[in-house]
Amino acid sequence: MITHWKGDPPVAPYYAVIFISQKSEQLDGYAEADAEMMSEAQKQEGYLGYSSSGEPKQGIFISYWQDQESIQKWRAHSGHIQAKQNGKQSWYNYYHSIIAKVERSVIHGEWLEGIQ
C-alpha cells in the first residue's frame, strides 16, 4: 500500500473516490496514460492525495478530494474523459468506481514506505 498526501493529511470531512479494477491483456498506452493522469490529477484544485494497492493485473486506487465540486471538475477534464473511454474499450475487464464522503479519519503512527 502506498499513500501520498499533497500536504498534511486532510481533516474530515473530505471525499474518497475508490477505483477497484482488473486489467485486461490489452494495455497499449496504459502506462503512459496512467502517469499523465496522475500528474494532471495532482494539479487539480481540491486534490488531496491518494492511496494505492494491488498486483500487476488488479488493484485498488483511492483518490482523496476536498469536495464534490473538485471531483466533478476532474471528471470533466478532457484527458481523464479520454482515459476513461480507453479503459472501457480495452484496458479493463472490470472496474467499480465508488465516491464516498469521509466523515472521520484517524491516523496512528508513522507510515513506513516499502512495508508489505
C-alpha atoms as a PDB file:
ATOM      1  CA  MET A   1       0.000   0.000   0.000  1.00  0.00           C
ATOM      2  CA  ILE A   2       1.238   3.438  -0.933  1.00  0.00           C
ATOM      3  CA  THR A   3      -0.324   6.601   0.478  1.00  0.00           C
ATOM      4  CA  HIS A   4       0.737  10.062  -0.611  1.00  0.00           C
ATOM      5  CA  TRP A   5      -0.747  13.330   0.620  1.00  0.00           C
ATOM      6  CA  LYS A   6      -0.381  16.593  -1.286  1.00  0.00           C
ATOM      7  CA  GLY A   7       0.354  18.302   2.017  1.00  0.00           C
ATOM      8  CA  ASP A   8      -0.584  17.301   5.540  1.00  0.00           C
ATOM      9  CA  PRO A   9      -3.230  14.589   5.820  1.00  0.00           C
ATOM     10  CA  PRO A  10      -6.634  16.239   5.440  1.00  0.00           C
ATOM     11  CA  VAL A  11      -9.101  16.801   8.243  1.00  0.00           C
ATOM     12  CA  ALA A  12     -12.525  15.220   7.666  1.00  0.00           C
ATOM     13  CA  PRO A  13     -14.912  15.751   6.082  1.00  0.00           C
ATOM     14  CA  TYR A  14     -13.497  15.154   2.591  1.00  0.00           C
ATOM     15  CA  TYR A  15     -14.234  12.722  -0.234  1.00  0.00           C
ATOM     16  CA  ALA A  16     -12.681   9.470  -1.430  1.00  0.00           C
ATOM     17  CA  VAL A  17     -13.039   8.130  -4.963  1.00  0.00           C
ATOM     18  CA  ILE A  18     -12.399   4.392  -4.761  1.00  0.00           C
ATOM     19  CA  PHE A  19     -11.469   2.643  -8.017  1.00  0.00           C
ATOM     20  CA  ILE A  20     -11.313  -1.162  -7.935  1.00  0.00           C
ATOM     21  CA  SER A  21     -10.081  -2.717 -11.159  1.00  0.00           C
ATOM     22  CA  GLN A  22      -8.982  -5.781 -13.058  1.00  0.00           C
ATOM     23  CA  LYS A  23      -6.885  -5.059 -16.149  1.00  0.00           C
ATOM     24  CA  SER A  24      -7.235  -6.772 -19.489  1.00  0.00           C
ATOM     25  CA  GLU A  25      -4.406  -8.122 -21.630  1.00  0.00           C
ATOM     26  CA  GLN A  26      -4.678  -5.109 -23.984  1.00  0.00           C
ATOM     27  CA  LEU A  27      -2.673  -2.419 -22.213  1.00  0.00           C
ATOM     28  CA  ASP A  28      -1.224  -0.470 -25.154  1.00  0.00           C
ATOM     29  CA  GLY A  29      -0.717   3.111 -23.963  1.00  0.00           C
ATOM     30  CA  TYR A  30      -1.920   2.347 -20.436  1.00  0.00           C
ATOM     31  CA  ALA A  31       1.309   3.102 -18.533  1.00  0.00           C
ATOM     32  CA  GLU A  32       1.782   6.448 -20.293  1.00  0.00           C
ATOM     33  CA  ALA A  33      -1.844   7.482 -19.753  1.00  0.00           C
ATOM     34  CA  ASP A  34      -1.715   6.401 -16.097  1.00  0.00           C
ATOM     35  CA  ALA A  35       1.396   8.512 -15.452  1.00  0.00           C
ATOM     36  CA  GLU A  36      -0.114  11.501 -17.246  1.00  0.00           C
ATOM     37  CA  MET A  37      -3.409  11.250 -15.343  1.00  0.00           C
ATOM     38  CA  MET A  38      -1.581  11.013 -12.006  1.00  0.00           C
ATOM     39  CA  SER A  39       0.340  14.166 -12.877  1.00  0.00           C
ATOM     40  CA  GLU A  40      -2.773  16.012 -14.071  1.00  0.00           C
ATOM     41  CA  ALA A  41      -4.912  14.961 -11.087  1.00  0.00           C
ATOM     42  CA  GLN A  42      -2.322  16.304  -8.666  1.00  0.00           C
ATOM     43  CA  LYS A  43      -2.572  19.733 -10.340  1.00  0.00           C
ATOM     44  CA  GLN A  44      -6.334  19.963  -9.809  1.00  0.00           C
ATOM     45  CA  GLU A  45      -7.802  22.309  -7.239  1.00  0.00           C
ATOM     46  CA  GLY A  46      -9.227  20.264  -4.381  1.00  0.00           C
ATOM     47  CA  TYR A  47      -6.942  17.247  -4.907  1.00  0.00           C
ATOM     48  CA  LEU A  48      -5.687  15.988  -1.518  1.00  0.00           C
ATOM     49  CA  GLY A  49      -3.777  12.762  -2.176  1.00  0.00           C
ATOM     50  CA  TYR A  50      -4.104   9.069  -2.970  1.00  0.00           C
ATOM     51  CA  SER A  51      -3.678   5.518  -1.707  1.00  0.00           C
ATOM     52  CA  SER A  52      -2.899   2.592  -3.992  1.00  0.00           C
ATOM     53  CA  SER A  53      -2.531  -1.142  -3.532  1.00  0.00           C
ATOM     54  CA  GLY A  54      -2.519  -4.019  -5.927  1.00  0.00           C
ATOM     55  CA  GLU A  55      -0.868  -6.504  -8.173  1.00  0.00           C
ATOM     56  CA  PRO A  56       0.046  -6.131 -11.858  1.00  0.00           C
ATOM     57  CA  LYS A  57      -3.448  -7.099 -13.082  1.00  0.00           C
ATOM     58  CA  GLN A  58      -5.734  -5.899 -10.282  1.00  0.00           C
ATOM     59  CA  GLY A  59      -5.817  -3.245  -7.651  1.00  0.00           C
ATOM     60  CA  ILE A  60      -7.487  -0.566  -5.621  1.00  0.00           C
ATOM     61  CA  PHE A  61      -6.761   3.121  -6.159  1.00  0.00           C
ATOM     62  CA  ILE A  62      -8.277   5.753  -3.882  1.00  0.00           C
ATOM     63  CA  SER A  63      -8.007   9.450  -4.659  1.00  0.00           C
ATOM     64  CA  TYR A  64      -8.948  11.994  -2.000  1.00  0.00           C
ATOM     65  CA  TRP A  65     -10.712  15.270  -2.765  1.00  0.00           C
ATOM     66  CA  GLN A  66     -11.754  18.348  -0.820  1.00  0.00           C
ATOM     67  CA  ASP A  67     -15.345  18.363  -2.092  1.00  0.00           C
ATOM     68  CA  GLN A  68     -17.730  17.024  -4.717  1.00  0.00           C
ATOM     69  CA  GLU A  69     -17.152  20.055  -6.952  1.00  0.00           C
ATOM     70  CA  SER A  70     -13.453  19.139  -7.211  1.00  0.00           C
ATOM     71  CA  ILE A  71     -14.384  15.588  -8.189  1.00  0.00           C
ATOM     72  CA  GLN A  72     -16.789  16.854 -10.855  1.00  0.00           C
ATOM     73  CA  LYS A  73     -14.120  19.137 -12.342  1.00  0.00           C
ATOM     74  CA  TRP A  74     -11.703  16.197 -12.533  1.00  0.00           C
ATOM     75  CA  ARG A  75     -14.379  14.037 -14.171  1.00  0.00           C
ATOM     76  CA  ALA A  76     -14.807  16.767 -16.825  1.00  0.00           C
ATOM     77  CA  HIS A  77     -11.040  17.015 -17.558  1.00  0.00           C
ATOM     78  CA  SER A  78     -10.548  16.144 -21.245  1.00  0.00           C
ATOM     79  CA  GLY A  79      -7.589  13.830 -20.628  1.00  0.00           C
ATOM     80  CA  HIS A  80      -9.483  11.990 -17.911  1.00  0.00           C
ATOM     81  CA  ILE A  81     -12.504  11.580 -20.196  1.00  0.00           C
ATOM     82  CA  GLN A  82     -10.265  10.050 -22.880  1.00  0.00           C
ATOM     83  CA  ALA A  83      -8.558   7.739 -20.368  1.00  0.00           C
ATOM     84  CA  LYS A  84     -11.961   6.520 -19.143  1.00  0.00           C
ATOM     85  CA  GLN A  85     -13.017   5.763 -22.723  1.00  0.00           C
ATOM     86  CA  ASN A  86      -9.800   3.815 -23.353  1.00  0.00           C
ATOM     87  CA  GLY A  87     -10.321   1.968 -20.079  1.00  0.00           C
ATOM     88  CA  LYS A  88     -13.812   0.861 -21.073  1.00  0.00           C
ATOM     89  CA  GLN A  89     -12.761  -0.086 -24.609  1.00  0.00           C
ATOM     90  CA  SER A  90      -9.579  -2.011 -23.878  1.00  0.00           C
ATOM     91  CA  TRP A  91      -7.643  -1.578 -20.615  1.00  0.00           C
ATOM     92  CA  TYR A  92     -10.097  -3.012 -18.064  1.00  0.00           C
ATOM     93  CA  ASN A  93     -12.018  -6.264 -17.914  1.00  0.00           C
ATOM     94  CA  TYR A  94     -13.782  -4.919 -14.823  1.00  0.00           C
ATOM     95  CA  TYR A  95     -13.873  -1.836 -12.678  1.00  0.00           C
ATOM     96  CA  HIS A  96     -16.000  -0.452  -9.882  1.00  0.00           C
ATOM     97  CA  SER A  97     -15.898   3.259  -9.045  1.00  0.00           C
ATOM     98  CA  ILE A  98     -17.272   4.469  -5.705  1.00  0.00           C
ATOM     99  CA  ILE A  99     -17.493   8.011  -4.324  1.00  0.00           C
ATOM    100  CA  ALA A 100     -17.705   8.207  -0.525  1.00  0.00           C
ATOM    101  CA  LYS A 101     -17.754  11.037   1.980  1.00  0.00           C
ATOM    102  CA  VAL A 102     -15.139  10.582   4.699  1.00  0.00           C
ATOM    103  CA  GLU A 103     -16.762  11.638   7.966  1.00  0.00           C
ATOM    104  CA  ARG A 104     -13.912  10.595  10.240  1.00  0.00           C
ATOM    105  CA  SER A 105     -10.259   9.764   9.695  1.00  0.00           C
ATOM    106  CA  VAL A 106      -7.731   8.620  12.292  1.00  0.00           C
ATOM    107  CA  ILE A 107      -4.026   8.161  11.612  1.00  0.00           C
ATOM    108  CA  HIS A 108      -1.826   6.371  14.110  1.00  0.00           C
ATOM    109  CA  GLY A 109       1.925   6.058  13.904  1.00  0.00           C
ATOM    110  CA  GLU A 110       4.241   6.811  11.016  1.00  0.00           C
ATOM    111  CA  TRP A 111       3.752   5.150   7.637  1.00  0.00           C
ATOM    112  CA  LEU A 112       6.872   3.245   6.631  1.00  0.00           C
ATOM    113  CA  GLU A 113       7.357   3.142   2.839  1.00  0.00           C
ATOM    114  CA  GLY A 114       8.054  -0.262   1.385  1.00  0.00           C
ATOM    115  CA  ILE A 115       6.490  -2.330   4.164  1.00  0.00           C
ATOM    116  CA  GLN A 116       4.330  -5.073   2.621  1.00  0.00           C
END
